[in-house]
N, C-alpha and C. Protein backbone atom coordinates (compact mmCIF):
# COMPACT_ATOMS: atom_id res chain seq x y z
N MET A 1 11.21 -6.90 -5.70
CA MET A 1 10.47 -6.44 -7.15
C MET A 1 9.54 -7.92 -7.07
N ASN A 2 9.32 -9.28 -6.69
CA ASN A 2 9.03 -10.12 -7.24
C ASN A 2 7.25 -9.88 -6.11
N TRP A 3 7.93 -9.42 -5.20
CA TRP A 3 6.44 -9.09 -4.11
C TRP A 3 6.19 -8.01 -4.61
N TYR A 4 6.34 -6.94 -5.39
CA TYR A 4 5.48 -5.53 -5.80
C TYR A 4 4.82 -6.56 -6.63
N LEU A 5 5.38 -7.54 -7.45
CA LEU A 5 4.26 -7.63 -8.74
C LEU A 5 3.49 -8.81 -7.92
N LYS A 6 3.86 -9.44 -7.06
CA LYS A 6 2.63 -10.31 -6.92
C LYS A 6 1.62 -9.17 -5.60
N ALA A 7 1.71 -8.28 -5.40
CA ALA A 7 1.10 -7.24 -5.23
C ALA A 7 -0.10 -7.00 -6.50
N LEU A 8 0.81 -6.63 -7.32
CA LEU A 8 -0.18 -6.21 -8.21
C LEU A 8 -0.62 -6.87 -8.90
N LYS A 9 -0.35 -8.69 -8.97
CA LYS A 9 -1.22 -9.11 -9.66
C LYS A 9 -2.67 -9.57 -8.73
N ARG A 10 -2.68 -9.28 -7.60
CA ARG A 10 -3.91 -9.04 -6.25
C ARG A 10 -4.38 -7.81 -6.61
N TYR A 11 -4.35 -7.16 -7.87
CA TYR A 11 -4.44 -5.75 -7.86
C TYR A 11 -5.93 -5.16 -7.27
N ALA A 12 -6.93 -5.89 -7.05
CA ALA A 12 -8.63 -5.71 -6.23
C ALA A 12 -8.74 -6.38 -5.16
N ASP A 13 -8.30 -7.46 -5.00
CA ASP A 13 -8.27 -8.61 -4.33
C ASP A 13 -8.65 -8.03 -2.67
N PHE A 14 -9.28 -8.05 -1.63
CA PHE A 14 -9.50 -7.71 -0.64
C PHE A 14 -9.68 -8.68 0.15
N SER A 15 -9.79 -9.81 -0.44
CA SER A 15 -9.51 -10.93 0.92
C SER A 15 -8.41 -11.67 1.25
N GLY A 16 -8.55 -12.49 1.65
CA GLY A 16 -7.26 -13.30 2.15
C GLY A 16 -6.41 -12.47 2.44
N ARG A 17 -4.75 -13.19 2.64
CA ARG A 17 -3.56 -12.84 3.63
C ARG A 17 -2.32 -12.34 2.87
N SER A 18 -1.65 -10.86 3.42
CA SER A 18 -0.47 -10.78 2.84
C SER A 18 0.63 -10.38 4.17
N GLY A 19 1.68 -11.00 4.00
CA GLY A 19 2.43 -10.82 5.03
C GLY A 19 2.90 -9.94 4.95
N ARG A 20 4.57 -9.31 6.20
CA ARG A 20 4.91 -8.23 6.36
C ARG A 20 5.72 -7.84 4.97
N THR A 21 6.92 -9.39 4.42
CA THR A 21 7.35 -8.51 3.23
C THR A 21 6.69 -8.50 2.10
N GLU A 22 5.95 -9.55 1.94
CA GLU A 22 5.19 -8.64 0.57
C GLU A 22 4.80 -7.00 1.26
N PHE A 23 4.04 -7.20 1.73
CA PHE A 23 3.74 -5.30 2.58
C PHE A 23 4.62 -4.27 2.05
N TRP A 24 5.88 -4.60 3.09
CA TRP A 24 7.11 -3.52 3.13
C TRP A 24 7.08 -3.59 2.15
N MET A 25 7.66 -4.24 1.05
CA MET A 25 8.58 -4.39 0.15
C MET A 25 7.64 -3.62 -1.34
N PHE A 26 6.17 -3.68 -1.45
CA PHE A 26 5.71 -2.91 -1.79
C PHE A 26 5.63 -1.84 -1.46
N VAL A 27 5.15 -1.30 -0.50
CA VAL A 27 5.59 0.15 -0.17
C VAL A 27 6.87 0.39 -0.68
N LEU A 28 7.76 -0.33 -0.31
CA LEU A 28 8.98 0.18 -0.71
C LEU A 28 9.11 0.61 -2.45
N PHE A 29 9.01 -0.69 -3.25
CA PHE A 29 8.62 -0.37 -4.63
C PHE A 29 7.99 1.09 -4.58
N TYR A 30 6.54 1.12 -4.23
CA TYR A 30 5.36 2.09 -4.48
C TYR A 30 6.34 3.15 -4.20
N LEU A 31 7.25 3.81 -3.51
CA LEU A 31 7.76 4.41 -3.09
C LEU A 31 9.08 5.55 -4.75
N ILE A 32 10.03 3.98 -4.35
CA ILE A 32 10.65 4.24 -5.50
C ILE A 32 10.17 4.59 -6.77
N PHE A 33 9.39 4.05 -7.24
CA PHE A 33 8.53 4.22 -8.33
C PHE A 33 7.76 5.61 -8.43
N GLY A 34 7.42 6.02 -6.73
CA GLY A 34 7.08 7.55 -7.18
C GLY A 34 7.90 8.47 -7.31
N PHE A 35 9.40 7.97 -6.39
CA PHE A 35 9.94 9.24 -6.51
C PHE A 35 10.89 9.37 -7.74
N ILE A 36 10.76 8.16 -8.74
CA ILE A 36 11.06 8.35 -10.35
C ILE A 36 10.40 8.61 -11.06
N ALA A 37 8.63 8.72 -10.91
CA ALA A 37 7.79 9.95 -11.72
C ALA A 37 7.83 10.96 -11.31
N ARG A 38 8.40 11.64 -10.00
CA ARG A 38 8.97 12.72 -10.06
C ARG A 38 9.74 13.42 -10.54
N LEU A 39 10.76 12.18 -11.04
CA LEU A 39 11.96 12.48 -11.33
C LEU A 39 11.23 13.22 -13.29
N PHE A 40 10.88 12.19 -13.52
CA PHE A 40 10.39 12.93 -15.31
C PHE A 40 9.70 14.02 -14.79
N ASP A 41 8.80 14.25 -13.78
CA ASP A 41 8.43 15.31 -13.78
C ASP A 41 8.78 16.53 -14.11
N ASN A 42 9.55 16.44 -13.21
CA ASN A 42 10.94 17.50 -13.01
C ASN A 42 11.59 17.97 -14.10
N HIS A 43 11.42 16.37 -15.28
CA HIS A 43 12.98 16.39 -16.02
C HIS A 43 12.32 17.41 -17.60
N PHE A 44 10.86 16.78 -17.11
CA PHE A 44 10.33 17.29 -18.32
C PHE A 44 8.94 18.44 -18.23
N ARG A 45 9.12 18.62 -16.99
CA ARG A 45 8.23 20.09 -16.34
C ARG A 45 7.05 19.77 -16.52
N LEU A 46 6.57 18.18 -16.45
CA LEU A 46 4.98 18.14 -16.70
C LEU A 46 4.09 18.69 -15.20
N PHE A 47 4.22 19.54 -14.89
CA PHE A 47 3.21 20.37 -13.56
C PHE A 47 1.99 20.44 -14.14
N LEU A 48 1.12 20.12 -13.32
CA LEU A 48 -0.56 20.59 -13.83
C LEU A 48 -0.11 22.01 -13.15
N ILE A 49 -1.27 22.35 -14.03
CA ILE A 49 -1.57 24.12 -13.55
C ILE A 49 -1.80 24.64 -12.38
N GLU A 50 -1.08 25.61 -11.84
CA GLU A 50 -1.18 26.08 -10.44
C GLU A 50 -0.77 24.57 -9.64
N SER A 51 0.13 23.83 -9.72
CA SER A 51 0.07 23.06 -8.91
C SER A 51 1.38 22.57 -8.88
N HIS A 52 1.53 21.66 -7.95
CA HIS A 52 3.36 21.16 -7.84
C HIS A 52 2.95 19.63 -7.73
N THR A 53 1.73 19.19 -8.56
CA THR A 53 1.73 17.94 -9.03
C THR A 53 1.92 17.92 -10.20
N GLY A 54 3.19 16.65 -10.58
CA GLY A 54 3.61 16.28 -11.88
C GLY A 54 2.52 15.28 -12.47
N PHE A 55 2.14 15.45 -13.53
CA PHE A 55 1.41 14.45 -14.80
C PHE A 55 1.79 12.87 -14.80
N PHE A 56 3.04 12.59 -14.41
CA PHE A 56 3.66 11.06 -13.85
C PHE A 56 3.18 10.99 -12.27
N SER A 57 3.53 11.61 -11.72
CA SER A 57 2.94 11.32 -10.62
C SER A 57 2.05 11.02 -9.88
N LEU A 58 0.99 11.89 -10.87
CA LEU A 58 -0.40 11.63 -10.41
C LEU A 58 -0.95 10.24 -11.25
N ALA A 59 -0.61 10.79 -12.25
CA ALA A 59 -0.85 9.30 -12.99
C ALA A 59 -0.60 8.16 -12.45
N TYR A 60 0.80 7.89 -11.18
CA TYR A 60 0.80 6.90 -10.96
C TYR A 60 0.53 6.28 -9.83
N SER A 61 0.11 7.58 -8.99
CA SER A 61 -0.49 7.51 -7.68
C SER A 61 -2.44 7.12 -8.44
N LEU A 62 -2.82 7.97 -9.43
CA LEU A 62 -3.75 6.85 -9.20
C LEU A 62 -4.29 5.90 -9.85
N ALA A 63 -3.30 5.38 -10.44
CA ALA A 63 -3.06 3.69 -10.95
C ALA A 63 -2.84 2.92 -9.86
N MET A 64 -1.89 3.25 -8.79
CA MET A 64 -1.85 2.66 -7.94
C MET A 64 -2.76 2.63 -6.33
N ILE A 65 -3.53 3.64 -6.37
CA ILE A 65 -4.50 3.31 -4.94
C ILE A 65 -5.58 2.15 -4.50
N VAL A 66 -5.34 1.85 -5.78
CA VAL A 66 -6.56 0.47 -5.46
C VAL A 66 -5.33 -0.75 -4.84
N PRO A 67 -4.25 -1.13 -5.70
CA PRO A 67 -3.71 -1.77 -5.27
C PRO A 67 -3.19 -1.78 -3.55
N PHE A 68 -2.68 -0.48 -3.37
CA PHE A 68 -2.47 -0.07 -2.09
C PHE A 68 -3.43 -0.49 -0.99
N PHE A 69 -4.68 0.02 -1.31
CA PHE A 69 -5.84 -0.09 0.10
C PHE A 69 -5.75 -1.67 0.15
N ALA A 70 -5.63 -2.33 -1.33
CA ALA A 70 -5.54 -3.85 -1.53
C ALA A 70 -4.95 -4.69 -0.22
N VAL A 71 -3.95 -3.99 -0.27
CA VAL A 71 -2.36 -5.23 -0.27
C VAL A 71 -2.90 -5.06 1.63
N THR A 72 -2.83 -3.32 2.25
CA THR A 72 -2.98 -2.87 3.46
C THR A 72 -4.12 -3.40 3.98
N VAL A 73 -5.39 -4.06 3.20
CA VAL A 73 -6.40 -4.70 3.87
C VAL A 73 -5.68 -6.00 3.77
N ARG A 74 -4.95 -6.47 2.93
CA ARG A 74 -4.61 -8.26 2.95
C ARG A 74 -3.55 -8.02 4.29
N ARG A 75 -2.93 -7.02 4.39
CA ARG A 75 -2.04 -6.84 5.61
C ARG A 75 -3.08 -7.19 7.06
N LEU A 76 -3.93 -6.30 7.07
CA LEU A 76 -4.26 -6.22 8.37
C LEU A 76 -4.71 -7.62 8.92
N HIS A 77 -6.08 -8.39 7.62
CA HIS A 77 -6.07 -9.64 7.55
C HIS A 77 -5.63 -10.65 8.36
N ASP A 78 -3.81 -10.24 7.68
CA ASP A 78 -2.92 -11.56 7.95
C ASP A 78 -2.48 -11.44 9.61
N ILE A 79 -2.76 -9.94 10.71
CA ILE A 79 -2.77 -9.95 11.50
C ILE A 79 -3.92 -9.94 12.46
N GLY A 80 -4.88 -10.71 11.90
CA GLY A 80 -6.51 -11.08 12.75
C GLY A 80 -7.30 -9.77 12.58
N LYS A 81 -6.75 -8.55 12.00
CA LYS A 81 -7.91 -7.50 11.97
C LYS A 81 -8.46 -7.21 10.89
N SER A 82 -9.95 -6.79 10.77
CA SER A 82 -10.61 -6.71 10.14
C SER A 82 -9.78 -5.56 9.18
N GLY A 83 -10.46 -5.29 7.64
CA GLY A 83 -9.85 -4.12 7.00
C GLY A 83 -10.43 -3.15 6.97
N TRP A 84 -11.58 -2.83 7.99
CA TRP A 84 -11.97 -1.65 8.20
C TRP A 84 -10.91 -0.86 8.80
N TRP A 85 -10.06 -1.38 9.78
CA TRP A 85 -9.23 -1.04 10.53
C TRP A 85 -8.51 0.35 9.57
N ILE A 86 -8.26 -0.02 8.78
CA ILE A 86 -7.60 0.95 7.44
C ILE A 86 -8.26 2.37 7.87
N LEU A 87 -9.24 2.97 8.18
CA LEU A 87 -10.06 3.71 8.54
C LEU A 87 -9.67 4.52 9.72
N ILE A 88 -8.88 3.80 10.53
CA ILE A 88 -8.31 4.72 11.30
C ILE A 88 -7.19 5.74 11.41
N ASN A 89 -6.56 5.54 9.87
CA ASN A 89 -5.96 6.64 9.59
C ASN A 89 -6.59 8.12 9.64
N LEU A 90 -7.94 8.04 9.57
CA LEU A 90 -8.53 8.86 9.32
C LEU A 90 -8.54 9.85 10.69
N ILE A 91 -8.59 9.31 11.60
CA ILE A 91 -7.65 10.14 12.90
C ILE A 91 -6.42 10.52 13.04
N PRO A 92 -6.12 12.03 12.86
CA PRO A 92 -5.48 12.79 12.27
C PRO A 92 -4.51 13.00 13.16
N PHE A 93 -2.93 11.97 12.65
CA PHE A 93 -1.74 11.92 13.13
C PHE A 93 -1.30 10.54 14.27
N ILE A 94 -2.05 10.42 15.32
CA ILE A 94 -2.23 9.14 15.90
C ILE A 94 -2.85 8.03 15.52
N GLY A 95 -4.17 7.79 14.57
CA GLY A 95 -4.21 7.11 13.44
C GLY A 95 -3.40 6.89 12.94
N THR A 96 -2.58 7.54 12.09
CA THR A 96 -1.22 7.18 11.03
C THR A 96 -0.55 6.40 12.00
N ILE A 97 -0.06 6.60 13.36
CA ILE A 97 0.99 6.08 13.65
C ILE A 97 0.59 4.34 14.23
N TRP A 98 -1.03 4.64 14.64
CA TRP A 98 -1.52 3.39 15.17
C TRP A 98 -1.30 2.30 13.88
N LEU A 99 -1.76 2.75 12.81
CA LEU A 99 -1.83 1.42 11.90
C LEU A 99 -0.51 1.25 11.48
N ILE A 100 0.36 2.33 11.51
CA ILE A 100 0.98 1.75 11.06
C ILE A 100 2.27 1.12 12.22
N ILE A 101 2.01 0.84 13.45
CA ILE A 101 2.22 -0.49 14.30
C ILE A 101 1.51 -1.50 14.32
N LEU A 102 0.47 -1.35 13.69
CA LEU A 102 -0.40 -2.41 13.38
C LEU A 102 0.35 -3.61 12.18
N LEU A 103 0.56 -2.64 11.42
CA LEU A 103 1.10 -3.27 10.22
C LEU A 103 2.59 -4.08 10.12
N LEU A 104 3.18 -3.49 11.55
CA LEU A 104 4.40 -3.86 11.72
C LEU A 104 4.21 -5.38 12.72
N ASN A 105 3.04 -5.59 13.27
CA ASN A 105 2.91 -7.04 13.96
C ASN A 105 3.22 -7.99 12.94
N LYS A 106 3.79 -9.03 13.58
CA LYS A 106 4.15 -10.38 13.20
C LYS A 106 2.70 -10.74 12.74
N SER A 107 2.99 -11.83 11.75
CA SER A 107 1.75 -12.52 11.29
C SER A 107 0.89 -13.37 12.18
N GLN A 108 -0.30 -13.77 11.93
CA GLN A 108 -0.59 -14.81 13.16
C GLN A 108 -0.59 -15.92 12.05
N MET A 109 -0.16 -16.99 13.44
CA MET A 109 0.81 -18.08 12.43
C MET A 109 -0.53 -19.14 12.32
N GLY A 110 -0.84 -19.68 11.26
CA GLY A 110 -1.80 -20.76 11.13
C GLY A 110 -2.81 -20.68 10.73
N VAL A 111 -3.93 -20.81 10.46
CA VAL A 111 -5.72 -20.11 10.10
C VAL A 111 -6.25 -18.73 10.74
N ASN A 112 -6.13 -18.51 9.96
CA ASN A 112 -7.51 -17.39 10.68
C ASN A 112 -8.78 -17.18 10.14
N GLU A 113 -9.16 -16.26 10.35
CA GLU A 113 -10.75 -16.65 9.67
C GLU A 113 -10.68 -15.39 8.73
N TYR A 114 -9.63 -15.32 8.13
CA TYR A 114 -9.47 -14.56 5.98
C TYR A 114 -8.56 -15.32 5.68
N GLY A 115 -8.15 -16.89 5.65
CA GLY A 115 -7.20 -17.98 5.23
C GLY A 115 -6.01 -18.12 6.55
N GLU A 116 -5.41 -18.58 5.18
CA GLU A 116 -4.08 -19.39 6.01
C GLU A 116 -3.05 -18.87 5.57
N ASN A 117 -1.84 -18.59 6.55
CA ASN A 117 -0.62 -18.19 6.59
C ASN A 117 0.29 -18.37 5.28
N GLN A 118 0.47 -17.20 4.42
CA GLN A 118 1.12 -17.70 3.49
C GLN A 118 2.55 -17.57 3.66
């Protein structure tokens, strides 16, 4: 939970580096809280008109889009890649797989052009 909060404290900080643990713990808690939001939507039947998207799920997703992109860019910085590599995700299927492989890589040791290893 501390890693999730650490990423949230750097809400819109696209500079610097984030290690594997910080990134993947953020993703884990993002998914857990998204699941809980979906449960609230189902329990209270708060779905948007003609949609399967619930109010809580949508609000949570919109609130977390900036920190999710920020922590992903910082993770790419941690492996020595530019944050623009996040756009590889726009290539259907293969881009997503390639981005996940990049995000699974080990951190560059020491200092790189984006700062010191944390």
